Amino acid sequence: SQRIELPGVPKTASGNTGAGSIELGIRPEYVRLGRDGMAVKVSKVEDVGRHKVVRASLEGREIAAVIGEDDTVPADPKVSFDPAGINIYADSWRVEMGA
């Protein structure tokens, strides 16, 4: 139910954007945790040295964000995604992003 800005238009092998299953994949280092964006529920914060891994739930989907070791988790945490780190998968296959 959220709107996420993509770095382009995903293209399936058939040349259109219609596919049986579409998934968004993003690495934790491209997830921005702060006071703006989509509300999440934090379940765990793992201190792994120079950074922390924040485990959270976004509308029932498990996500992870990497933050600096001195960064704090806001009381009302929200996430946004860096479009450069977004990958789209159609039927489990990564698809290219057009302009």
N, C-alpha and C. Protein backbone atom coordinates (compact mmCIF):
# COMPACT_ATOMS: atom_id res chain seq x y z
N SER A 1 0.82 -1.20 0.00
CA SER A 1 0.00 0.00 0.00
C SER A 1 0.86 1.26 0.00
N GLN A 2 2.17 1.11 -0.17
CA GLN A 2 3.07 2.26 -0.17
C GLN A 2 3.53 2.60 -1.59
N ARG A 3 3.91 3.82 -1.78
CA ARG A 3 4.45 4.27 -3.06
C ARG A 3 5.96 4.42 -2.89
N ILE A 4 6.73 3.74 -3.75
CA ILE A 4 8.18 3.76 -3.66
C ILE A 4 8.74 4.24 -4.99
N GLU A 5 9.59 5.26 -4.93
CA GLU A 5 10.20 5.79 -6.14
C GLU A 5 11.26 4.81 -6.65
N LEU A 6 11.15 4.45 -7.93
CA LEU A 6 12.10 3.53 -8.55
C LEU A 6 13.10 4.31 -9.40
N PRO A 7 14.28 3.74 -9.64
CA PRO A 7 15.28 4.42 -10.45
C PRO A 7 14.98 4.36 -11.95
N GLY A 8 13.93 3.67 -12.36
CA GLY A 8 13.55 3.55 -13.76
C GLY A 8 12.30 2.70 -13.86
N VAL A 9 11.98 2.28 -15.08
CA VAL A 9 10.82 1.44 -15.32
C VAL A 9 11.29 0.01 -15.51
N PRO A 10 10.81 -0.94 -14.68
CA PRO A 10 11.24 -2.32 -14.84
C PRO A 10 10.74 -2.91 -16.16
N LYS A 11 11.60 -3.65 -16.84
CA LYS A 11 11.25 -4.29 -18.10
C LYS A 11 11.33 -5.80 -17.94
N THR A 12 10.27 -6.50 -18.29
CA THR A 12 10.30 -7.96 -18.24
C THR A 12 10.88 -8.47 -19.55
N ALA A 13 11.17 -9.75 -19.62
CA ALA A 13 11.75 -10.35 -20.82
C ALA A 13 10.87 -10.15 -22.04
N SER A 14 9.57 -10.06 -21.85
CA SER A 14 8.65 -9.88 -22.98
C SER A 14 8.54 -8.42 -23.40
N GLY A 15 9.25 -7.52 -22.70
CA GLY A 15 9.25 -6.12 -23.08
C GLY A 15 8.18 -5.28 -22.43
N ASN A 16 7.38 -5.87 -21.55
CA ASN A 16 6.37 -5.07 -20.86
C ASN A 16 6.59 -5.16 -19.36
N THR A 17 5.78 -4.46 -18.60
CA THR A 17 5.96 -4.44 -17.15
C THR A 17 5.00 -5.39 -16.44
N GLY A 18 4.26 -6.20 -17.19
CA GLY A 18 3.34 -7.15 -16.56
C GLY A 18 4.02 -8.50 -16.34
N ALA A 19 3.99 -9.00 -15.12
CA ALA A 19 4.59 -10.30 -14.83
C ALA A 19 3.76 -10.98 -13.76
N GLY A 20 3.94 -12.28 -13.60
CA GLY A 20 3.18 -13.02 -12.61
C GLY A 20 3.48 -12.59 -11.19
N SER A 21 4.74 -12.44 -10.86
CA SER A 21 5.14 -12.08 -9.50
C SER A 21 6.20 -10.98 -9.58
N ILE A 22 5.96 -9.88 -8.90
CA ILE A 22 6.91 -8.76 -8.87
C ILE A 22 7.37 -8.58 -7.44
N GLU A 23 8.69 -8.52 -7.24
CA GLU A 23 9.25 -8.31 -5.91
C GLU A 23 10.26 -7.17 -5.96
N LEU A 24 10.34 -6.44 -4.86
CA LEU A 24 11.32 -5.36 -4.71
C LEU A 24 12.41 -5.87 -3.78
N GLY A 25 13.64 -5.72 -4.18
CA GLY A 25 14.76 -6.12 -3.34
C GLY A 25 15.67 -4.93 -3.09
N ILE A 26 16.09 -4.78 -1.85
CA ILE A 26 16.98 -3.67 -1.52
C ILE A 26 17.90 -4.11 -0.39
N ARG A 27 19.18 -3.84 -0.54
CA ARG A 27 20.16 -4.21 0.47
C ARG A 27 20.02 -3.28 1.68
N PRO A 28 20.31 -3.78 2.88
CA PRO A 28 20.13 -2.98 4.09
C PRO A 28 20.87 -1.65 4.10
N GLU A 29 22.00 -1.55 3.42
CA GLU A 29 22.73 -0.29 3.41
C GLU A 29 22.04 0.81 2.60
N TYR A 30 21.00 0.45 1.82
CA TYR A 30 20.22 1.42 1.06
C TYR A 30 18.89 1.75 1.73
N VAL A 31 18.65 1.20 2.91
CA VAL A 31 17.45 1.51 3.68
C VAL A 31 17.80 2.64 4.64
N ARG A 32 17.07 3.74 4.58
CA ARG A 32 17.32 4.90 5.43
C ARG A 32 16.33 4.89 6.59
N LEU A 33 16.84 4.87 7.81
CA LEU A 33 16.01 4.88 9.01
C LEU A 33 16.02 6.28 9.59
N GLY A 34 14.85 6.83 9.85
CA GLY A 34 14.78 8.18 10.41
C GLY A 34 13.38 8.54 10.82
N ARG A 35 13.05 9.83 10.68
CA ARG A 35 11.74 10.33 11.09
C ARG A 35 10.81 10.57 9.91
N ASP A 36 11.30 10.34 8.69
CA ASP A 36 10.50 10.54 7.49
C ASP A 36 10.38 9.23 6.72
N GLY A 37 9.24 9.03 6.08
CA GLY A 37 9.06 7.85 5.26
C GLY A 37 7.91 6.99 5.72
N MET A 38 8.08 5.68 5.59
CA MET A 38 7.04 4.71 5.91
C MET A 38 7.27 4.17 7.32
N ALA A 39 6.20 4.11 8.11
CA ALA A 39 6.31 3.66 9.49
C ALA A 39 6.68 2.18 9.57
N VAL A 40 7.60 1.85 10.48
CA VAL A 40 8.02 0.47 10.70
C VAL A 40 7.96 0.16 12.19
N LYS A 41 7.94 -1.13 12.48
CA LYS A 41 7.99 -1.60 13.86
C LYS A 41 9.33 -2.31 14.05
N VAL A 42 10.18 -1.76 14.91
CA VAL A 42 11.51 -2.33 15.14
C VAL A 42 11.39 -3.52 16.08
N SER A 43 12.01 -4.64 15.69
CA SER A 43 11.97 -5.84 16.52
C SER A 43 13.30 -6.13 17.21
N LYS A 44 14.41 -5.64 16.61
CA LYS A 44 15.72 -5.94 17.17
C LYS A 44 16.76 -4.96 16.63
N VAL A 45 17.73 -4.62 17.47
CA VAL A 45 18.87 -3.82 17.04
C VAL A 45 20.12 -4.62 17.39
N GLU A 46 20.90 -4.96 16.37
CA GLU A 46 22.11 -5.75 16.56
C GLU A 46 23.34 -4.83 16.43
N ASP A 47 24.15 -4.76 17.47
CA ASP A 47 25.37 -3.98 17.45
C ASP A 47 26.48 -4.88 16.91
N VAL A 48 26.97 -4.56 15.72
CA VAL A 48 27.99 -5.40 15.08
C VAL A 48 29.29 -4.64 14.83
N GLY A 49 29.67 -3.80 15.77
CA GLY A 49 30.93 -3.08 15.66
C GLY A 49 30.74 -1.66 15.18
N ARG A 50 31.20 -1.38 13.98
CA ARG A 50 31.13 -0.02 13.44
C ARG A 50 29.74 0.41 13.01
N HIS A 51 28.82 -0.51 13.01
CA HIS A 51 27.44 -0.16 12.66
C HIS A 51 26.47 -1.06 13.42
N LYS A 52 25.20 -0.73 13.26
CA LYS A 52 24.12 -1.51 13.86
C LYS A 52 23.21 -1.99 12.74
N VAL A 53 22.66 -3.18 12.91
CA VAL A 53 21.66 -3.69 11.99
C VAL A 53 20.32 -3.62 12.71
N VAL A 54 19.40 -2.87 12.14
CA VAL A 54 18.08 -2.69 12.73
C VAL A 54 17.12 -3.60 11.97
N ARG A 55 16.51 -4.54 12.69
CA ARG A 55 15.51 -5.46 12.12
C ARG A 55 14.14 -4.86 12.39
N ALA A 56 13.32 -4.79 11.36
CA ALA A 56 12.01 -4.16 11.50
C ALA A 56 10.99 -4.83 10.60
N SER A 57 9.74 -4.44 10.77
CA SER A 57 8.65 -4.94 9.96
C SER A 57 7.95 -3.76 9.29
N LEU A 58 7.76 -3.86 7.99
CA LEU A 58 7.05 -2.86 7.20
C LEU A 58 5.85 -3.53 6.58
N GLU A 59 4.68 -3.27 7.11
CA GLU A 59 3.43 -3.86 6.62
C GLU A 59 3.54 -5.39 6.53
N GLY A 60 4.11 -6.00 7.56
CA GLY A 60 4.21 -7.45 7.60
C GLY A 60 5.41 -8.04 6.89
N ARG A 61 6.21 -7.21 6.25
CA ARG A 61 7.42 -7.68 5.56
C ARG A 61 8.64 -7.35 6.40
N GLU A 62 9.50 -8.34 6.59
CA GLU A 62 10.72 -8.13 7.38
C GLU A 62 11.74 -7.37 6.54
N ILE A 63 12.32 -6.34 7.13
CA ILE A 63 13.37 -5.57 6.46
C ILE A 63 14.51 -5.33 7.45
N ALA A 64 15.65 -4.93 6.92
CA ALA A 64 16.80 -4.59 7.76
C ALA A 64 17.39 -3.28 7.25
N ALA A 65 17.91 -2.51 8.18
CA ALA A 65 18.59 -1.25 7.85
C ALA A 65 19.93 -1.23 8.58
N VAL A 66 20.92 -0.65 7.95
CA VAL A 66 22.23 -0.49 8.58
C VAL A 66 22.37 0.97 8.96
N ILE A 67 22.71 1.22 10.23
CA ILE A 67 22.93 2.59 10.70
C ILE A 67 24.30 2.65 11.37
N GLY A 68 24.81 3.84 11.56
CA GLY A 68 26.11 4.01 12.20
C GLY A 68 26.09 3.60 13.66
N GLU A 69 27.27 3.28 14.18
CA GLU A 69 27.36 2.80 15.56
C GLU A 69 26.89 3.85 16.57
N ASP A 70 26.99 5.14 16.25
CA ASP A 70 26.57 6.20 17.16
C ASP A 70 25.17 6.72 16.86
N ASP A 71 24.53 6.20 15.80
CA ASP A 71 23.18 6.64 15.45
C ASP A 71 22.16 6.02 16.41
N THR A 72 21.07 6.72 16.62
CA THR A 72 20.01 6.20 17.48
C THR A 72 18.78 5.86 16.64
N VAL A 73 17.97 4.98 17.15
CA VAL A 73 16.72 4.61 16.51
C VAL A 73 15.65 5.55 17.03
N PRO A 74 14.95 6.29 16.15
CA PRO A 74 13.91 7.21 16.61
C PRO A 74 12.80 6.48 17.35
N ALA A 75 12.12 7.19 18.24
CA ALA A 75 11.00 6.61 18.99
C ALA A 75 9.87 6.20 18.05
N ASP A 76 9.69 6.93 16.96
CA ASP A 76 8.66 6.63 15.95
C ASP A 76 9.39 6.39 14.62
N PRO A 77 10.06 5.23 14.47
CA PRO A 77 10.93 5.02 13.32
C PRO A 77 10.18 4.89 12.00
N LYS A 78 10.81 5.43 10.97
CA LYS A 78 10.29 5.35 9.62
C LYS A 78 11.45 5.02 8.69
N VAL A 79 11.14 4.43 7.54
CA VAL A 79 12.17 4.11 6.57
C VAL A 79 11.85 4.71 5.21
N SER A 80 12.90 4.94 4.48
CA SER A 80 12.81 5.30 3.07
C SER A 80 13.92 4.53 2.37
N PHE A 81 13.82 4.42 1.06
CA PHE A 81 14.79 3.64 0.29
C PHE A 81 15.52 4.54 -0.68
N ASP A 82 16.84 4.35 -0.79
CA ASP A 82 17.64 5.03 -1.79
C ASP A 82 17.34 4.34 -3.13
N PRO A 83 16.75 5.04 -4.11
CA PRO A 83 16.39 4.41 -5.38
C PRO A 83 17.56 3.72 -6.08
N ALA A 84 18.78 4.19 -5.87
CA ALA A 84 19.94 3.58 -6.52
C ALA A 84 20.17 2.15 -6.06
N GLY A 85 19.65 1.78 -4.90
CA GLY A 85 19.87 0.45 -4.37
C GLY A 85 18.71 -0.50 -4.57
N ILE A 86 17.69 -0.09 -5.32
CA ILE A 86 16.50 -0.92 -5.51
C ILE A 86 16.68 -1.83 -6.71
N ASN A 87 16.34 -3.10 -6.53
CA ASN A 87 16.29 -4.07 -7.62
C ASN A 87 14.87 -4.61 -7.71
N ILE A 88 14.42 -4.86 -8.92
CA ILE A 88 13.09 -5.42 -9.15
C ILE A 88 13.26 -6.82 -9.75
N TYR A 89 12.45 -7.75 -9.23
CA TYR A 89 12.49 -9.13 -9.69
C TYR A 89 11.10 -9.51 -10.20
N ALA A 90 11.05 -10.10 -11.39
CA ALA A 90 9.81 -10.60 -11.97
C ALA A 90 9.93 -12.11 -12.03
N ASP A 91 9.02 -12.80 -11.36
CA ASP A 91 9.06 -14.27 -11.31
C ASP A 91 10.44 -14.77 -10.88
N SER A 92 11.01 -14.12 -9.85
CA SER A 92 12.31 -14.47 -9.25
C SER A 92 13.53 -14.14 -10.10
N TRP A 93 13.35 -13.47 -11.23
CA TRP A 93 14.46 -13.06 -12.09
C TRP A 93 14.62 -11.55 -12.02
N ARG A 94 15.87 -11.08 -11.82
CA ARG A 94 16.12 -9.63 -11.79
C ARG A 94 15.87 -9.05 -13.18
N VAL A 95 15.15 -7.93 -13.20
CA VAL A 95 14.87 -7.28 -14.47
C VAL A 95 15.61 -5.96 -14.56
N GLU A 96 15.97 -5.58 -15.75
CA GLU A 96 16.66 -4.31 -15.99
C GLU A 96 15.70 -3.16 -15.80
N MET A 97 16.26 -2.04 -15.40
CA MET A 97 15.46 -0.83 -15.22
C MET A 97 15.72 0.10 -16.38
N GLY A 98 14.67 0.47 -17.11
CA GLY A 98 14.79 1.42 -18.19
C GLY A 98 14.68 2.84 -17.67
N ALA A 99 14.92 3.80 -18.54
CA ALA A 99 14.86 5.21 -18.15
C ALA A 99 13.45 5.69 -17.96
